[in-house]
Amino acid sequence: MDDQGMMAAVGGVTVLIVIAILFAIFLIPAILILRKAGYSGWWVLLYFIPLAGFIGLWVFALADWPALKNKSAS
């Protein structure tokens, strides 16, 4: 492999590492918030579907949260 090919490979790996770190920075807190709200953390997958993530955000913002229902019932 020549020098340009090696640099391209290293650059590609670097990009993948940065993307993985950004996913962790944004997805882990979202999962934790969803779980505290009483929803499954799997709902975070909506963000990978165009427009569905935006609509899901509004639905969760305006819906009655199961965690709050359980808290007021006890």
PDB file of N, CA and C in Angstrom:
ATOM      1  N   MET A   1       0.853  -1.167   0.000  1.00  0.00           N
ATOM      2  CA  MET A   1       0.000   0.000   0.000  1.00  0.00           C
ATOM      3  C   MET A   1       0.905   1.239   0.000  1.00  0.00           C
ATOM      4  N   ASP A   2       0.600   2.175  -0.860  1.00  0.00           N
ATOM      5  CA  ASP A   2       1.422   3.383  -0.914  1.00  0.00           C
ATOM      6  C   ASP A   2       1.032   4.355   0.202  1.00  0.00           C
ATOM      7  N   ASP A   3       1.765   5.462   0.295  1.00  0.00           N
ATOM      8  CA  ASP A   3       1.551   6.411   1.389  1.00  0.00           C
ATOM      9  C   ASP A   3       0.156   7.039   1.353  1.00  0.00           C
ATOM     10  N   GLN A   4      -0.346   7.357   0.160  1.00  0.00           N
ATOM     11  CA  GLN A   4      -1.677   7.958   0.061  1.00  0.00           C
ATOM     12  C   GLN A   4      -2.759   6.972   0.479  1.00  0.00           C
ATOM     13  N   GLY A   5      -2.605   5.737   0.100  1.00  0.00           N
ATOM     14  CA  GLY A   5      -3.564   4.714   0.484  1.00  0.00           C
ATOM     15  C   GLY A   5      -3.580   4.490   1.984  1.00  0.00           C
ATOM     16  N   MET A   6      -2.410   4.514   2.593  1.00  0.00           N
ATOM     17  CA  MET A   6      -2.300   4.342   4.048  1.00  0.00           C
ATOM     18  C   MET A   6      -2.948   5.522   4.769  1.00  0.00           C
ATOM     19  N   MET A   7      -2.701   6.738   4.281  1.00  0.00           N
ATOM     20  CA  MET A   7      -3.293   7.922   4.913  1.00  0.00           C
ATOM     21  C   MET A   7      -4.809   7.918   4.756  1.00  0.00           C
ATOM     22  N   ALA A   8      -5.299   7.450   3.618  1.00  0.00           N
ATOM     23  CA  ALA A   8      -6.744   7.373   3.411  1.00  0.00           C
ATOM     24  C   ALA A   8      -7.362   6.356   4.365  1.00  0.00           C
ATOM     25  N   ALA A   9      -6.682   5.246   4.580  1.00  0.00           N
ATOM     26  CA  ALA A   9      -7.188   4.222   5.493  1.00  0.00           C
ATOM     27  C   ALA A   9      -7.213   4.745   6.925  1.00  0.00           C
ATOM     28  N   VAL A  10      -6.147   5.439   7.325  1.00  0.00           N
ATOM     29  CA  VAL A  10      -6.096   6.011   8.675  1.00  0.00           C
ATOM     30  C   VAL A  10      -7.159   7.075   8.820  1.00  0.00           C
ATOM     31  N   GLY A  11      -7.368   7.899   7.781  1.00  0.00           N
ATOM     32  CA  GLY A  11      -8.402   8.924   7.812  1.00  0.00           C
ATOM     33  C   GLY A  11      -9.788   8.312   7.921  1.00  0.00           C
ATOM     34  N   GLY A  12     -10.019   7.199   7.239  1.00  0.00           N
ATOM     35  CA  GLY A  12     -11.307   6.521   7.311  1.00  0.00           C
ATOM     36  C   GLY A  12     -11.582   5.962   8.694  1.00  0.00           C
ATOM     37  N   VAL A  13     -10.556   5.391   9.306  1.00  0.00           N
ATOM     38  CA  VAL A  13     -10.696   4.856  10.662  1.00  0.00           C
ATOM     39  C   VAL A  13     -10.952   5.992  11.650  1.00  0.00           C
ATOM     40  N   THR A  14     -10.269   7.099  11.453  1.00  0.00           N
ATOM     41  CA  THR A  14     -10.468   8.258  12.325  1.00  0.00           C
ATOM     42  C   THR A  14     -11.894   8.772  12.234  1.00  0.00           C
ATOM     43  N   VAL A  15     -12.424   8.840  11.030  1.00  0.00           N
ATOM     44  CA  VAL A  15     -13.803   9.290  10.842  1.00  0.00           C
ATOM     45  C   VAL A  15     -14.771   8.343  11.544  1.00  0.00           C
ATOM     46  N   LEU A  16     -14.545   7.050  11.430  1.00  0.00           N
ATOM     47  CA  LEU A  16     -15.421   6.084  12.098  1.00  0.00           C
ATOM     48  C   LEU A  16     -15.370   6.226  13.609  1.00  0.00           C
ATOM     49  N   ILE A  17     -14.193   6.479  14.153  1.00  0.00           N
ATOM     50  CA  ILE A  17     -14.055   6.669  15.600  1.00  0.00           C
ATOM     51  C   ILE A  17     -14.792   7.932  16.046  1.00  0.00           C
ATOM     52  N   VAL A  18     -14.656   9.002  15.275  1.00  0.00           N
ATOM     53  CA  VAL A  18     -15.349  10.258  15.611  1.00  0.00           C
ATOM     54  C   VAL A  18     -16.853  10.070  15.545  1.00  0.00           C
ATOM     55  N   ILE A  19     -17.344   9.366  14.537  1.00  0.00           N
ATOM     56  CA  ILE A  19     -18.783   9.109  14.425  1.00  0.00           C
ATOM     57  C   ILE A  19     -19.270   8.276  15.604  1.00  0.00           C
ATOM     58  N   ALA A  20     -18.520   7.271  16.003  1.00  0.00           N
ATOM     59  CA  ALA A  20     -18.899   6.435  17.149  1.00  0.00           C
ATOM     60  C   ALA A  20     -18.963   7.267  18.429  1.00  0.00           C
ATOM     61  N   ILE A  21     -18.000   8.162  18.607  1.00  0.00           N
ATOM     62  CA  ILE A  21     -18.002   9.017  19.791  1.00  0.00           C
ATOM     63  C   ILE A  21     -19.202   9.957  19.774  1.00  0.00           C
ATOM     64  N   LEU A  22     -19.522  10.528  18.615  1.00  0.00           N
ATOM     65  CA  LEU A  22     -20.680  11.424  18.520  1.00  0.00           C
ATOM     66  C   LEU A  22     -21.985  10.673  18.782  1.00  0.00           C
ATOM     67  N   PHE A  23     -22.090   9.462  18.264  1.00  0.00           N
ATOM     68  CA  PHE A  23     -23.280   8.652  18.557  1.00  0.00           C
ATOM     69  C   PHE A  23     -23.413   8.438  20.050  1.00  0.00           C
ATOM     70  N   ALA A  24     -22.313   8.113  20.707  1.00  0.00           N
ATOM     71  CA  ALA A  24     -22.356   7.884  22.151  1.00  0.00           C
ATOM     72  C   ALA A  24     -22.746   9.156  22.896  1.00  0.00           C
ATOM     73  N   ILE A  25     -22.213  10.289  22.464  1.00  0.00           N
ATOM     74  CA  ILE A  25     -22.509  11.562  23.137  1.00  0.00           C
ATOM     75  C   ILE A  25     -23.986  11.908  23.037  1.00  0.00           C
ATOM     76  N   PHE A  26     -24.616  11.619  21.906  1.00  0.00           N
ATOM     77  CA  PHE A  26     -26.011  11.999  21.712  1.00  0.00           C
ATOM     78  C   PHE A  26     -27.007  10.899  22.048  1.00  0.00           C
ATOM     79  N   LEU A  27     -26.667   9.654  21.792  1.00  0.00           N
ATOM     80  CA  LEU A  27     -27.642   8.580  21.974  1.00  0.00           C
ATOM     81  C   LEU A  27     -27.738   8.092  23.414  1.00  0.00           C
ATOM     82  N   ILE A  28     -26.632   8.005  24.114  1.00  0.00           N
ATOM     83  CA  ILE A  28     -26.676   7.502  25.490  1.00  0.00           C
ATOM     84  C   ILE A  28     -27.536   8.398  26.383  1.00  0.00           C
ATOM     85  N   PRO A  29     -27.360   9.730  26.357  1.00  0.00           N
ATOM     86  CA  PRO A  29     -28.256  10.565  27.170  1.00  0.00           C
ATOM     87  C   PRO A  29     -29.717  10.457  26.739  1.00  0.00           C
ATOM     88  N   ALA A  30     -29.964  10.336  25.441  1.00  0.00           N
ATOM     89  CA  ALA A  30     -31.335  10.201  24.966  1.00  0.00           C
ATOM     90  C   ALA A  30     -31.969   8.919  25.498  1.00  0.00           C
ATOM     91  N   ILE A  31     -31.201   7.833  25.502  1.00  0.00           N
ATOM     92  CA  ILE A  31     -31.703   6.566  26.034  1.00  0.00           C
ATOM     93  C   ILE A  31     -31.992   6.696  27.527  1.00  0.00           C
ATOM     94  N   LEU A  32     -31.098   7.337  28.259  1.00  0.00           N
ATOM     95  CA  LEU A  32     -31.308   7.508  29.696  1.00  0.00           C
ATOM     96  C   LEU A  32     -32.534   8.362  29.992  1.00  0.00           C
ATOM     97  N   ILE A  33     -32.749   9.409  29.218  1.00  0.00           N
ATOM     98  CA  ILE A  33     -33.931  10.264  29.402  1.00  0.00           C
ATOM     99  C   ILE A  33     -35.199   9.483  29.113  1.00  0.00           C
ATOM    100  N   LEU A  34     -35.192   8.710  28.023  1.00  0.00           N
ATOM    101  CA  LEU A  34     -36.373   7.915  27.696  1.00  0.00           C
ATOM    102  C   LEU A  34     -36.685   6.906  28.796  1.00  0.00           C
ATOM    103  N   ARG A  35     -35.655   6.278  29.353  1.00  0.00           N
ATOM    104  CA  ARG A  35     -35.875   5.287  30.413  1.00  0.00           C
ATOM    105  C   ARG A  35     -36.399   5.946  31.686  1.00  0.00           C
ATOM    106  N   LYS A  36     -35.892   7.145  32.018  1.00  0.00           N
ATOM    107  CA  LYS A  36     -36.393   7.855  33.192  1.00  0.00           C
ATOM    108  C   LYS A  36     -37.831   8.298  33.004  1.00  0.00           C
ATOM    109  N   ALA A  37     -38.204   8.553  31.749  1.00  0.00           N
ATOM    110  CA  ALA A  37     -39.572   8.972  31.452  1.00  0.00           C
ATOM    111  C   ALA A  37     -40.540   7.790  31.456  1.00  0.00           C
ATOM    112  N   GLY A  38     -40.010   6.581  31.518  1.00  0.00           N
ATOM    113  CA  GLY A  38     -40.861   5.401  31.560  1.00  0.00           C
ATOM    114  C   GLY A  38     -41.021   4.710  30.220  1.00  0.00           C
ATOM    115  N   TYR A  39     -40.272   5.139  29.226  1.00  0.00           N
ATOM    116  CA  TYR A  39     -40.326   4.520  27.905  1.00  0.00           C
ATOM    117  C   TYR A  39     -39.110   3.625  27.707  1.00  0.00           C
ATOM    118  N   SER A  40     -39.188   2.771  26.719  1.00  0.00           N
ATOM    119  CA  SER A  40     -38.055   1.911  26.374  1.00  0.00           C
ATOM    120  C   SER A  40     -36.972   2.747  25.698  1.00  0.00           C
ATOM    121  N   GLY A  41     -35.732   2.423  25.983  1.00  0.00           N
ATOM    122  CA  GLY A  41     -34.615   3.109  25.339  1.00  0.00           C
ATOM    123  C   GLY A  41     -34.534   2.846  23.848  1.00  0.00           C
ATOM    124  N   TRP A  42     -35.205   1.806  23.398  1.00  0.00           N
ATOM    125  CA  TRP A  42     -35.192   1.465  21.971  1.00  0.00           C
ATOM    126  C   TRP A  42     -35.892   2.519  21.116  1.00  0.00           C
ATOM    127  N   TRP A  43     -36.700   3.376  21.726  1.00  0.00           N
ATOM    128  CA  TRP A  43     -37.364   4.442  20.984  1.00  0.00           C
ATOM    129  C   TRP A  43     -36.355   5.382  20.340  1.00  0.00           C
ATOM    130  N   VAL A  44     -35.134   5.397  20.821  1.00  0.00           N
ATOM    131  CA  VAL A  44     -34.101   6.269  20.269  1.00  0.00           C
ATOM    132  C   VAL A  44     -33.816   5.920  18.803  1.00  0.00           C
ATOM    133  N   LEU A  45     -34.159   4.733  18.376  1.00  0.00           N
ATOM    134  CA  LEU A  45     -33.950   4.342  16.983  1.00  0.00           C
ATOM    135  C   LEU A  45     -34.792   5.165  16.017  1.00  0.00           C
ATOM    136  N   LEU A  46     -35.815   5.835  16.519  1.00  0.00           N
ATOM    137  CA  LEU A  46     -36.617   6.713  15.660  1.00  0.00           C
ATOM    138  C   LEU A  46     -35.778   7.816  15.038  1.00  0.00           C
ATOM    139  N   TYR A  47     -34.718   8.213  15.716  1.00  0.00           N
ATOM    140  CA  TYR A  47     -33.890   9.302  15.211  1.00  0.00           C
ATOM    141  C   TYR A  47     -33.157   8.945  13.929  1.00  0.00           C
ATOM    142  N   PHE A  48     -33.081   7.680  13.605  1.00  0.00           N
ATOM    143  CA  PHE A  48     -32.416   7.264  12.379  1.00  0.00           C
ATOM    144  C   PHE A  48     -33.360   7.259  11.181  1.00  0.00           C
ATOM    145  N   ILE A  49     -34.647   7.482  11.417  1.00  0.00           N
ATOM    146  CA  ILE A  49     -35.622   7.538  10.336  1.00  0.00           C
ATOM    147  C   ILE A  49     -35.962   9.005  10.107  1.00  0.00           C
ATOM    148  N   PRO A  50     -35.699   9.512   8.907  1.00  0.00           N
ATOM    149  CA  PRO A  50     -35.973  10.927   8.652  1.00  0.00           C
ATOM    150  C   PRO A  50     -37.431  11.282   8.965  1.00  0.00           C
ATOM    151  N   LEU A  51     -37.632  12.373   9.597  1.00  0.00           N
ATOM    152  CA  LEU A  51     -38.904  12.948  10.016  1.00  0.00           C
ATOM    153  C   LEU A  51     -39.548  12.204  11.188  1.00  0.00           C
ATOM    154  N   ALA A  52     -39.327  10.910  11.304  1.00  0.00           N
ATOM    155  CA  ALA A  52     -39.908  10.150  12.413  1.00  0.00           C
ATOM    156  C   ALA A  52     -39.311  10.587  13.745  1.00  0.00           C
ATOM    157  N   GLY A  53     -38.032  10.879  13.773  1.00  0.00           N
ATOM    158  CA  GLY A  53     -37.399  11.342  15.002  1.00  0.00           C
ATOM    159  C   GLY A  53     -37.964  12.671  15.463  1.00  0.00           C
ATOM    160  N   PHE A  54     -38.189  13.569  14.528  1.00  0.00           N
ATOM    161  CA  PHE A  54     -38.767  14.878  14.850  1.00  0.00           C
ATOM    162  C   PHE A  54     -40.193  14.727  15.369  1.00  0.00           C
ATOM    163  N   ILE A  55     -40.988  13.910  14.704  1.00  0.00           N
ATOM    164  CA  ILE A  55     -42.371  13.670  15.140  1.00  0.00           C
ATOM    165  C   ILE A  55     -42.369  12.959  16.494  1.00  0.00           C
ATOM    166  N   GLY A  56     -41.496  11.983  16.673  1.00  0.00           N
ATOM    167  CA  GLY A  56     -41.401  11.276  17.947  1.00  0.00           C
ATOM    168  C   GLY A  56     -41.044  12.204  19.090  1.00  0.00           C
ATOM    169  N   LEU A  57     -40.162  13.153  18.834  1.00  0.00           N
ATOM    170  CA  LEU A  57     -39.790  14.121  19.861  1.00  0.00           C
ATOM    171  C   LEU A  57     -41.005  14.903  20.335  1.00  0.00           C
ATOM    172  N   TRP A  58     -41.837  15.353  19.412  1.00  0.00           N
ATOM    173  CA  TRP A  58     -43.044  16.100  19.786  1.00  0.00           C
ATOM    174  C   TRP A  58     -44.063  15.208  20.487  1.00  0.00           C
ATOM    175  N   VAL A  59     -44.184  13.971  20.044  1.00  0.00           N
ATOM    176  CA  VAL A  59     -45.118  13.040  20.697  1.00  0.00           C
ATOM    177  C   VAL A  59     -44.685  12.807  22.144  1.00  0.00           C
ATOM    178  N   PHE A  60     -43.406  12.560  22.365  1.00  0.00           N
ATOM    179  CA  PHE A  60     -42.926  12.340  23.729  1.00  0.00           C
ATOM    180  C   PHE A  60     -43.038  13.602  24.577  1.00  0.00           C
ATOM    181  N   ALA A  61     -42.844  14.751  23.970  1.00  0.00           N
ATOM    182  CA  ALA A  61     -42.923  16.008  24.717  1.00  0.00           C
ATOM    183  C   ALA A  61     -44.343  16.297  25.177  1.00  0.00           C
ATOM    184  N   LEU A  62     -45.321  15.935  24.380  1.00  0.00           N
ATOM    185  CA  LEU A  62     -46.712  16.274  24.681  1.00  0.00           C
ATOM    186  C   LEU A  62     -47.501  15.144  25.337  1.00  0.00           C
ATOM    187  N   ALA A  63     -46.973  13.939  25.338  1.00  0.00           N
ATOM    188  CA  ALA A  63     -47.684  12.786  25.895  1.00  0.00           C
ATOM    189  C   ALA A  63     -47.565  12.762  27.420  1.00  0.00           C
ATOM    190  N   ASP A  64     -48.483  12.053  28.058  1.00  0.00           N
ATOM    191  CA  ASP A  64     -48.369  11.795  29.493  1.00  0.00           C
ATOM    192  C   ASP A  64     -47.301  10.721  29.686  1.00  0.00           C
ATOM    193  N   TRP A  65     -46.323  11.031  30.497  1.00  0.00           N
ATOM    194  CA  TRP A  65     -45.221  10.100  30.693  1.00  0.00           C
ATOM    195  C   TRP A  65     -45.615   9.035  31.697  1.00  0.00           C
ATOM    196  N   PRO A  66     -45.368   7.756  31.367  1.00  0.00           N
ATOM    197  CA  PRO A  66     -45.696   6.668  32.293  1.00  0.00           C
ATOM    198  C   PRO A  66     -45.040   6.825  33.661  1.00  0.00           C
ATOM    199  N   ALA A  67     -43.821   7.336  33.701  1.00  0.00           N
ATOM    200  CA  ALA A  67     -43.131   7.497  34.985  1.00  0.00           C
ATOM    201  C   ALA A  67     -43.855   8.494  35.887  1.00  0.00           C
ATOM    202  N   LEU A  68     -44.416   9.542  35.301  1.00  0.00           N
ATOM    203  CA  LEU A  68     -45.146  10.530  36.093  1.00  0.00           C
ATOM    204  C   LEU A  68     -46.495   9.978  36.544  1.00  0.00           C
ATOM    205  N   LYS A  69     -47.126   9.147  35.729  1.00  0.00           N
ATOM    206  CA  LYS A  69     -48.388   8.526  36.130  1.00  0.00           C
ATOM    207  C   LYS A  69     -48.170   7.620  37.334  1.00  0.00           C
ATOM    208  N   ASN A  70     -47.105   6.834  37.291  1.00  0.00           N
ATOM    209  CA  ASN A  70     -46.802   5.925  38.401  1.00  0.00           C
ATOM    210  C   ASN A  70     -46.468   6.687  39.672  1.00  0.00           C
ATOM    211  N   LYS A  71     -45.811   7.812  39.545  1.00  0.00           N
ATOM    212  CA  LYS A  71     -45.410   8.606  40.696  1.00  0.00           C
ATOM    213  C   LYS A  71     -46.634   9.236  41.368  1.00  0.00           C
ATOM    214  N   SER A  72     -47.576   9.750  40.561  1.00  0.00           N
ATOM    215  CA  SER A  72     -48.762  10.395  41.130  1.00  0.00           C
ATOM    216  C   SER A  72     -49.751   9.371  41.691  1.00  0.00           C
ATOM    217  N   ALA A  73     -49.713   8.132  41.198  1.00  0.00           N
ATOM    218  CA  ALA A  73     -50.626   7.105  41.682  1.00  0.00           C
ATOM    219  C   ALA A  73     -50.205   6.579  43.040  1.00  0.00           C
ATOM    220  N   SER A  74     -48.938   6.687  43.383  1.00  0.00           N
ATOM    221  CA  SER A  74     -48.480   6.135  44.656  1.00  0.00           C
ATOM    222  C   SER A  74     -48.455   7.157  45.769  1.00  0.00           C
TER     223      SER A  74
END
